[in-house]
Amino acid sequence: MTFIGWIVLGLISGFIASKLVNKTGEGAALDIILGIVGAVVGGFVFNLLGAYGVTGFNIWSMFVAVIGAMLVLGVKHAVMGRGSHA
């Protein structure tokens, strides 16, 4: 997947995950970072479970990235508290 593909996948999946977890977006830059990190984390977790991780710019990869981003947000909230947006 290209660099631009990762940015677009990151923006969309980070935004969806932050809306599901926080009910608000984190902002474009943080949503992109969250989505990209989520794609890596989700890919790792799905591979551990015997499923495919991120396979390109498709619905499955978006699903994996959103799940990974939600895990990242869950850990962030557990460590920093729910009220912190840092």
N, C-alpha and C. Protein backbone atom coordinates (compact mmCIF):
# COMPACT_ATOMS: atom_id res chain seq x y z
N MET A 1 0.85 -1.17 0.00
CA MET A 1 0.00 0.00 0.00
C MET A 1 0.90 1.24 0.00
N THR A 2 0.48 2.26 -0.70
CA THR A 2 1.28 3.47 -0.82
C THR A 2 1.19 4.32 0.44
N PHE A 3 2.09 5.28 0.52
CA PHE A 3 2.11 6.23 1.64
C PHE A 3 0.77 6.96 1.73
N ILE A 4 0.25 7.42 0.61
CA ILE A 4 -1.04 8.12 0.59
C ILE A 4 -2.16 7.17 1.03
N GLY A 5 -2.08 5.92 0.62
CA GLY A 5 -3.07 4.93 1.05
C GLY A 5 -3.11 4.76 2.55
N TRP A 6 -1.92 4.70 3.18
CA TRP A 6 -1.84 4.60 4.64
C TRP A 6 -2.44 5.83 5.31
N ILE A 7 -2.18 7.02 4.74
CA ILE A 7 -2.73 8.27 5.31
C ILE A 7 -4.26 8.24 5.24
N VAL A 8 -4.81 7.88 4.08
CA VAL A 8 -6.26 7.86 3.92
C VAL A 8 -6.88 6.79 4.82
N LEU A 9 -6.31 5.59 4.81
CA LEU A 9 -6.80 4.53 5.69
C LEU A 9 -6.73 4.97 7.15
N GLY A 10 -5.63 5.61 7.52
CA GLY A 10 -5.46 6.08 8.89
C GLY A 10 -6.48 7.13 9.27
N LEU A 11 -6.73 8.08 8.38
CA LEU A 11 -7.70 9.14 8.68
C LEU A 11 -9.10 8.56 8.87
N ILE A 12 -9.51 7.73 7.95
CA ILE A 12 -10.87 7.19 8.03
C ILE A 12 -11.03 6.27 9.25
N SER A 13 -10.11 5.34 9.42
CA SER A 13 -10.25 4.39 10.53
C SER A 13 -10.04 5.06 11.88
N GLY A 14 -9.11 6.01 11.96
CA GLY A 14 -8.90 6.74 13.21
C GLY A 14 -10.12 7.56 13.59
N PHE A 15 -10.75 8.19 12.60
CA PHE A 15 -11.95 8.98 12.85
C PHE A 15 -13.09 8.09 13.33
N ILE A 16 -13.29 6.96 12.66
CA ILE A 16 -14.37 6.04 13.05
C ILE A 16 -14.14 5.53 14.47
N ALA A 17 -12.91 5.10 14.76
CA ALA A 17 -12.60 4.57 16.09
C ALA A 17 -12.78 5.63 17.17
N SER A 18 -12.32 6.86 16.92
CA SER A 18 -12.45 7.89 17.94
C SER A 18 -13.91 8.28 18.13
N LYS A 19 -14.72 8.23 17.07
CA LYS A 19 -16.16 8.49 17.22
C LYS A 19 -16.83 7.39 18.04
N LEU A 20 -16.43 6.14 17.82
CA LEU A 20 -17.02 5.03 18.57
C LEU A 20 -16.61 5.04 20.04
N VAL A 21 -15.36 5.39 20.31
CA VAL A 21 -14.85 5.34 21.68
C VAL A 21 -15.11 6.64 22.43
N ASN A 22 -14.79 7.77 21.81
CA ASN A 22 -14.88 9.07 22.49
C ASN A 22 -16.14 9.86 22.18
N LYS A 23 -16.87 9.48 21.18
CA LYS A 23 -18.03 10.20 20.65
C LYS A 23 -17.64 11.49 19.94
N THR A 24 -16.36 11.80 19.86
CA THR A 24 -15.86 12.95 19.10
C THR A 24 -14.59 12.53 18.37
N GLY A 25 -14.23 13.25 17.34
CA GLY A 25 -12.96 12.98 16.67
C GLY A 25 -11.80 13.54 17.48
N GLU A 26 -10.62 13.10 17.18
CA GLU A 26 -9.43 13.59 17.86
C GLU A 26 -8.79 14.75 17.12
N GLY A 27 -9.27 15.08 15.93
CA GLY A 27 -8.62 16.05 15.06
C GLY A 27 -7.95 15.30 13.93
N ALA A 28 -7.81 15.93 12.78
CA ALA A 28 -7.33 15.23 11.58
C ALA A 28 -5.97 14.58 11.80
N ALA A 29 -5.00 15.32 12.32
CA ALA A 29 -3.65 14.78 12.49
C ALA A 29 -3.63 13.60 13.45
N LEU A 30 -4.30 13.75 14.60
CA LEU A 30 -4.31 12.66 15.57
C LEU A 30 -5.13 11.47 15.07
N ASP A 31 -6.19 11.72 14.30
CA ASP A 31 -6.95 10.62 13.73
C ASP A 31 -6.11 9.82 12.74
N ILE A 32 -5.29 10.51 11.94
CA ILE A 32 -4.41 9.82 10.99
C ILE A 32 -3.40 8.96 11.75
N ILE A 33 -2.77 9.54 12.76
CA ILE A 33 -1.78 8.79 13.55
C ILE A 33 -2.45 7.62 14.25
N LEU A 34 -3.61 7.88 14.86
CA LEU A 34 -4.35 6.83 15.54
C LEU A 34 -4.71 5.70 14.59
N GLY A 35 -5.16 6.05 13.39
CA GLY A 35 -5.54 5.03 12.41
C GLY A 35 -4.37 4.21 11.93
N ILE A 36 -3.23 4.86 11.70
CA ILE A 36 -2.04 4.12 11.23
C ILE A 36 -1.53 3.21 12.34
N VAL A 37 -1.43 3.73 13.56
CA VAL A 37 -1.01 2.90 14.68
C VAL A 37 -2.02 1.77 14.90
N GLY A 38 -3.31 2.12 14.77
CA GLY A 38 -4.35 1.11 14.90
C GLY A 38 -4.24 0.02 13.86
N ALA A 39 -3.88 0.38 12.64
CA ALA A 39 -3.71 -0.61 11.57
C ALA A 39 -2.57 -1.56 11.92
N VAL A 40 -1.49 -1.03 12.45
CA VAL A 40 -0.35 -1.88 12.83
C VAL A 40 -0.73 -2.78 14.00
N VAL A 41 -1.35 -2.19 15.03
CA VAL A 41 -1.75 -2.97 16.21
C VAL A 41 -2.81 -4.01 15.81
N GLY A 42 -3.82 -3.58 15.05
CA GLY A 42 -4.85 -4.51 14.61
C GLY A 42 -4.29 -5.63 13.76
N GLY A 43 -3.38 -5.30 12.85
CA GLY A 43 -2.75 -6.32 12.03
C GLY A 43 -1.99 -7.34 12.86
N PHE A 44 -1.28 -6.86 13.87
CA PHE A 44 -0.53 -7.75 14.77
C PHE A 44 -1.49 -8.67 15.53
N VAL A 45 -2.55 -8.08 16.11
CA VAL A 45 -3.51 -8.87 16.89
C VAL A 45 -4.23 -9.89 16.00
N PHE A 46 -4.67 -9.46 14.82
CA PHE A 46 -5.38 -10.38 13.94
C PHE A 46 -4.45 -11.50 13.47
N ASN A 47 -3.18 -11.19 13.21
CA ASN A 47 -2.23 -12.24 12.84
C ASN A 47 -2.03 -13.23 13.97
N LEU A 48 -1.98 -12.72 15.21
CA LEU A 48 -1.86 -13.62 16.37
C LEU A 48 -3.05 -14.56 16.47
N LEU A 49 -4.22 -14.07 16.07
CA LEU A 49 -5.44 -14.88 16.14
C LEU A 49 -5.62 -15.78 14.92
N GLY A 50 -4.68 -15.72 13.98
CA GLY A 50 -4.72 -16.58 12.81
C GLY A 50 -5.48 -16.00 11.63
N ALA A 51 -5.84 -14.73 11.70
CA ALA A 51 -6.56 -14.08 10.60
C ALA A 51 -5.60 -13.16 9.85
N TYR A 52 -6.04 -12.68 8.71
CA TYR A 52 -5.24 -11.73 7.95
C TYR A 52 -5.28 -10.36 8.62
N GLY A 53 -4.18 -9.64 8.54
CA GLY A 53 -4.12 -8.27 9.03
C GLY A 53 -4.52 -7.32 7.92
N VAL A 54 -3.83 -6.21 7.81
CA VAL A 54 -4.10 -5.23 6.77
C VAL A 54 -3.60 -5.80 5.44
N THR A 55 -4.51 -5.88 4.47
CA THR A 55 -4.19 -6.51 3.18
C THR A 55 -4.19 -5.52 2.02
N GLY A 56 -4.39 -4.27 2.29
CA GLY A 56 -4.46 -3.25 1.24
C GLY A 56 -5.53 -2.25 1.59
N PHE A 57 -5.96 -1.49 0.62
CA PHE A 57 -6.99 -0.48 0.86
C PHE A 57 -8.35 -1.11 0.53
N ASN A 58 -8.94 -1.77 1.54
CA ASN A 58 -10.21 -2.46 1.36
C ASN A 58 -11.00 -2.47 2.67
N ILE A 59 -12.20 -3.01 2.63
CA ILE A 59 -13.07 -3.01 3.82
C ILE A 59 -12.46 -3.81 4.96
N TRP A 60 -11.87 -4.97 4.66
CA TRP A 60 -11.27 -5.79 5.71
C TRP A 60 -10.17 -5.02 6.44
N SER A 61 -9.31 -4.37 5.69
CA SER A 61 -8.21 -3.60 6.30
C SER A 61 -8.76 -2.46 7.14
N MET A 62 -9.83 -1.83 6.68
CA MET A 62 -10.46 -0.75 7.45
C MET A 62 -10.99 -1.31 8.77
N PHE A 63 -11.63 -2.47 8.72
CA PHE A 63 -12.14 -3.13 9.93
C PHE A 63 -11.00 -3.43 10.90
N VAL A 64 -9.92 -4.01 10.39
CA VAL A 64 -8.75 -4.33 11.23
C VAL A 64 -8.18 -3.06 11.85
N ALA A 65 -8.06 -1.99 11.06
CA ALA A 65 -7.51 -0.74 11.56
C ALA A 65 -8.41 -0.10 12.60
N VAL A 66 -9.72 -0.14 12.40
CA VAL A 66 -10.65 0.43 13.38
C VAL A 66 -10.57 -0.34 14.70
N ILE A 67 -10.56 -1.66 14.63
CA ILE A 67 -10.44 -2.47 15.86
C ILE A 67 -9.12 -2.16 16.56
N GLY A 68 -8.03 -2.09 15.81
CA GLY A 68 -6.74 -1.76 16.40
C GLY A 68 -6.72 -0.37 17.02
N ALA A 69 -7.32 0.60 16.34
CA ALA A 69 -7.37 1.96 16.87
C ALA A 69 -8.22 2.02 18.13
N MET A 70 -9.31 1.25 18.17
CA MET A 70 -10.12 1.20 19.38
C MET A 70 -9.34 0.59 20.54
N LEU A 71 -8.52 -0.42 20.27
CA LEU A 71 -7.66 -0.99 21.31
C LEU A 71 -6.66 0.04 21.82
N VAL A 72 -6.06 0.79 20.88
CA VAL A 72 -5.10 1.84 21.25
C VAL A 72 -5.78 2.90 22.11
N LEU A 73 -6.96 3.34 21.72
CA LEU A 73 -7.70 4.33 22.51
C LEU A 73 -8.07 3.78 23.89
N GLY A 74 -8.45 2.51 23.95
CA GLY A 74 -8.78 1.89 25.23
C GLY A 74 -7.59 1.88 26.17
N VAL A 75 -6.43 1.53 25.64
CA VAL A 75 -5.21 1.54 26.46
C VAL A 75 -4.87 2.97 26.88
N LYS A 76 -5.00 3.92 25.95
CA LYS A 76 -4.72 5.33 26.26
C LYS A 76 -5.61 5.81 27.40
N HIS A 77 -6.91 5.50 27.34
CA HIS A 77 -7.82 5.92 28.38
C HIS A 77 -7.54 5.22 29.71
N ALA A 78 -7.12 3.96 29.65
CA ALA A 78 -6.79 3.23 30.88
C ALA A 78 -5.56 3.82 31.55
N VAL A 79 -4.59 4.26 30.75
CA VAL A 79 -3.34 4.78 31.30
C VAL A 79 -3.47 6.25 31.71
N MET A 80 -4.08 7.06 30.85
CA MET A 80 -4.10 8.50 31.07
C MET A 80 -5.40 9.01 31.68
N GLY A 81 -6.43 8.21 31.70
CA GLY A 81 -7.72 8.66 32.21
C GLY A 81 -8.59 9.13 31.06
N ARG A 82 -9.86 9.08 31.25
CA ARG A 82 -10.81 9.40 30.19
C ARG A 82 -10.84 10.87 29.85
N GLY A 83 -10.62 11.75 30.79
CA GLY A 83 -10.71 13.19 30.53
C GLY A 83 -9.52 13.77 29.82
N SER A 84 -8.44 13.04 29.70
CA SER A 84 -7.21 13.56 29.07
C SER A 84 -7.27 13.42 27.57
N HIS A 85 -6.97 14.49 26.86
CA HIS A 85 -6.92 14.48 25.39
C HIS A 85 -5.51 14.74 24.91
N ALA A 86 -4.51 14.35 25.66
CA ALA A 86 -3.13 14.58 25.27
C ALA A 86 -2.59 13.47 24.42
